Amino acid sequence: MGRSADAEGWTVNHKEDLAALVFWSLVQARVVISDWKADYSRRRRHSALGYQAPAVHAGAWIQSVV
């Protein structure tokens, strides 16, 4: 199994974990889901970005443009 498949498997498993959570309030649900989305969208590494996190890739791109 390649890195991309491993990452996708991890994502699928964690989406299921997130779905299985019991939230005690709407505020708690919003905080937990917001944190998960931030991690999934900004901090996890993407194969399309050379296995860099989007935030790291963006920072390097900005430095190369300036």
N, C-alpha and C. Protein backbone atom coordinates (compact mmCIF):
# COMPACT_ATOMS: atom_id res chain seq x y z
N MET A 1 0.85 -1.19 0.00
CA MET A 1 0.00 0.00 0.00
C MET A 1 0.89 1.24 0.00
N GLY A 2 0.62 2.19 -0.89
CA GLY A 2 1.43 3.40 -0.99
C GLY A 2 1.06 4.43 0.05
N ARG A 3 1.86 5.48 0.08
CA ARG A 3 1.62 6.55 1.06
C ARG A 3 0.24 7.18 0.91
N SER A 4 -0.15 7.40 -0.35
CA SER A 4 -1.45 8.02 -0.60
C SER A 4 -2.58 7.14 -0.08
N ALA A 5 -2.46 5.85 -0.34
CA ALA A 5 -3.49 4.92 0.14
C ALA A 5 -3.49 4.87 1.66
N ASP A 6 -2.31 4.90 2.26
CA ASP A 6 -2.22 4.92 3.73
C ASP A 6 -2.89 6.16 4.29
N ALA A 7 -2.61 7.31 3.68
CA ALA A 7 -3.20 8.56 4.16
C ALA A 7 -4.71 8.54 3.99
N GLU A 8 -5.18 8.03 2.87
CA GLU A 8 -6.62 7.97 2.64
C GLU A 8 -7.27 7.01 3.63
N GLY A 9 -6.62 5.89 3.92
CA GLY A 9 -7.14 4.95 4.91
C GLY A 9 -7.23 5.61 6.28
N TRP A 10 -6.21 6.38 6.63
CA TRP A 10 -6.22 7.08 7.91
C TRP A 10 -7.38 8.06 7.96
N THR A 11 -7.56 8.79 6.86
CA THR A 11 -8.63 9.79 6.81
C THR A 11 -9.99 9.14 6.96
N VAL A 12 -10.21 8.06 6.25
CA VAL A 12 -11.49 7.35 6.33
C VAL A 12 -11.73 6.88 7.75
N ASN A 13 -10.72 6.31 8.38
CA ASN A 13 -10.86 5.84 9.76
C ASN A 13 -11.18 6.97 10.71
N HIS A 14 -10.53 8.11 10.54
CA HIS A 14 -10.78 9.22 11.45
C HIS A 14 -12.11 9.90 11.19
N LYS A 15 -12.57 9.89 9.96
CA LYS A 15 -13.91 10.41 9.68
C LYS A 15 -14.93 9.57 10.42
N GLU A 16 -14.72 8.25 10.42
CA GLU A 16 -15.61 7.35 11.15
C GLU A 16 -15.52 7.60 12.66
N ASP A 17 -14.31 7.84 13.16
CA ASP A 17 -14.14 8.16 14.58
C ASP A 17 -14.90 9.43 14.94
N LEU A 18 -14.80 10.42 14.08
CA LEU A 18 -15.48 11.69 14.32
C LEU A 18 -16.99 11.49 14.32
N ALA A 19 -17.47 10.68 13.41
CA ALA A 19 -18.90 10.42 13.32
C ALA A 19 -19.41 9.65 14.54
N ALA A 20 -18.54 8.89 15.19
CA ALA A 20 -18.94 8.08 16.33
C ALA A 20 -18.94 8.86 17.65
N LEU A 21 -18.41 10.09 17.63
CA LEU A 21 -18.37 10.88 18.86
C LEU A 21 -19.76 11.29 19.31
N VAL A 22 -19.89 11.37 20.61
CA VAL A 22 -21.13 11.90 21.20
C VAL A 22 -20.79 13.28 21.72
N PHE A 23 -21.48 14.27 21.21
CA PHE A 23 -21.24 15.64 21.64
C PHE A 23 -22.28 16.02 22.69
N TRP A 24 -21.82 16.69 23.73
CA TRP A 24 -22.71 17.06 24.82
C TRP A 24 -23.39 18.40 24.58
N SER A 25 -22.87 19.15 23.62
CA SER A 25 -23.49 20.44 23.29
C SER A 25 -23.14 20.80 21.85
N LEU A 26 -23.88 21.71 21.30
CA LEU A 26 -23.61 22.18 19.96
C LEU A 26 -22.27 22.91 19.91
N VAL A 27 -21.96 23.64 20.95
CA VAL A 27 -20.67 24.36 21.02
C VAL A 27 -19.51 23.36 21.00
N GLN A 28 -19.60 22.31 21.79
CA GLN A 28 -18.55 21.30 21.81
C GLN A 28 -18.40 20.67 20.43
N ALA A 29 -19.49 20.35 19.78
CA ALA A 29 -19.44 19.75 18.44
C ALA A 29 -18.75 20.69 17.47
N ARG A 30 -19.10 21.96 17.52
CA ARG A 30 -18.49 22.94 16.61
C ARG A 30 -16.98 23.05 16.83
N VAL A 31 -16.54 23.06 18.09
CA VAL A 31 -15.12 23.18 18.41
C VAL A 31 -14.36 21.94 17.93
N VAL A 32 -14.87 20.77 18.25
CA VAL A 32 -14.19 19.52 17.88
C VAL A 32 -14.13 19.39 16.36
N ILE A 33 -15.22 19.65 15.68
CA ILE A 33 -15.24 19.53 14.22
C ILE A 33 -14.37 20.59 13.57
N SER A 34 -14.37 21.79 14.10
CA SER A 34 -13.52 22.85 13.57
C SER A 34 -12.04 22.48 13.70
N ASP A 35 -11.66 21.95 14.84
CA ASP A 35 -10.27 21.52 15.04
C ASP A 35 -9.90 20.41 14.05
N TRP A 36 -10.81 19.46 13.87
CA TRP A 36 -10.56 18.35 12.95
C TRP A 36 -10.41 18.87 11.52
N LYS A 37 -11.28 19.79 11.11
CA LYS A 37 -11.21 20.35 9.77
C LYS A 37 -9.91 21.11 9.55
N ALA A 38 -9.46 21.85 10.55
CA ALA A 38 -8.20 22.59 10.43
C ALA A 38 -7.04 21.63 10.24
N ASP A 39 -7.03 20.56 11.01
CA ASP A 39 -5.97 19.57 10.89
C ASP A 39 -6.02 18.90 9.53
N TYR A 40 -7.20 18.51 9.10
CA TYR A 40 -7.37 17.81 7.83
C TYR A 40 -7.02 18.71 6.65
N SER A 41 -7.38 19.96 6.71
CA SER A 41 -7.21 20.87 5.57
C SER A 41 -5.87 21.60 5.54
N ARG A 42 -5.26 21.85 6.69
CA ARG A 42 -4.04 22.67 6.71
C ARG A 42 -2.79 21.95 7.17
N ARG A 43 -2.95 21.00 8.09
CA ARG A 43 -1.75 20.42 8.69
C ARG A 43 -1.38 19.04 8.16
N ARG A 44 -2.34 18.28 7.64
CA ARG A 44 -1.99 16.94 7.17
C ARG A 44 -1.23 17.05 5.86
N ARG A 45 -0.32 16.12 5.64
CA ARG A 45 0.50 16.16 4.43
C ARG A 45 -0.28 15.64 3.23
N HIS A 46 -0.03 16.25 2.08
CA HIS A 46 -0.70 15.88 0.83
C HIS A 46 0.34 15.38 -0.17
N SER A 47 0.05 14.28 -0.82
CA SER A 47 0.99 13.75 -1.82
C SER A 47 1.16 14.73 -2.98
N ALA A 48 0.11 15.45 -3.35
CA ALA A 48 0.19 16.40 -4.46
C ALA A 48 1.13 17.58 -4.14
N LEU A 49 1.44 17.77 -2.88
CA LEU A 49 2.33 18.87 -2.48
C LEU A 49 3.69 18.34 -2.05
N GLY A 50 4.04 17.17 -2.55
CA GLY A 50 5.33 16.58 -2.17
C GLY A 50 5.35 16.16 -0.71
N TYR A 51 4.23 15.69 -0.22
CA TYR A 51 4.06 15.25 1.17
C TYR A 51 4.38 16.36 2.17
N GLN A 52 3.99 17.57 1.80
CA GLN A 52 4.08 18.71 2.72
C GLN A 52 2.68 19.09 3.15
N ALA A 53 2.60 19.69 4.31
CA ALA A 53 1.31 20.25 4.76
C ALA A 53 1.02 21.48 3.91
N PRO A 54 -0.24 21.75 3.60
CA PRO A 54 -0.58 22.91 2.78
C PRO A 54 -0.02 24.23 3.35
N ALA A 55 -0.04 24.40 4.65
CA ALA A 55 0.48 25.64 5.24
C ALA A 55 1.98 25.78 4.98
N VAL A 56 2.72 24.69 5.09
CA VAL A 56 4.16 24.71 4.84
C VAL A 56 4.42 24.99 3.36
N HIS A 57 3.68 24.32 2.51
CA HIS A 57 3.82 24.51 1.06
C HIS A 57 3.53 25.96 0.66
N ALA A 58 2.47 26.52 1.21
CA ALA A 58 2.11 27.91 0.91
C ALA A 58 3.20 28.87 1.37
N GLY A 59 3.75 28.62 2.56
CA GLY A 59 4.81 29.47 3.08
C GLY A 59 6.04 29.44 2.19
N ALA A 60 6.40 28.24 1.72
CA ALA A 60 7.56 28.11 0.84
C ALA A 60 7.28 28.80 -0.50
N TRP A 61 6.07 28.68 -1.00
CA TRP A 61 5.70 29.31 -2.27
C TRP A 61 5.78 30.83 -2.15
N ILE A 62 5.25 31.37 -1.07
CA ILE A 62 5.29 32.82 -0.85
C ILE A 62 6.72 33.32 -0.80
N GLN A 63 7.58 32.58 -0.10
CA GLN A 63 9.00 32.96 -0.01
C GLN A 63 9.67 32.94 -1.38
N SER A 64 9.27 32.00 -2.24
CA SER A 64 9.88 31.90 -3.57
C SER A 64 9.42 33.00 -4.51
N VAL A 65 8.25 33.56 -4.23
CA VAL A 65 7.68 34.61 -5.08
C VAL A 65 8.23 35.98 -4.70
N VAL A 66 8.49 36.16 -3.42
CA VAL A 66 8.92 37.48 -2.91
C VAL A 66 10.34 37.78 -3.27
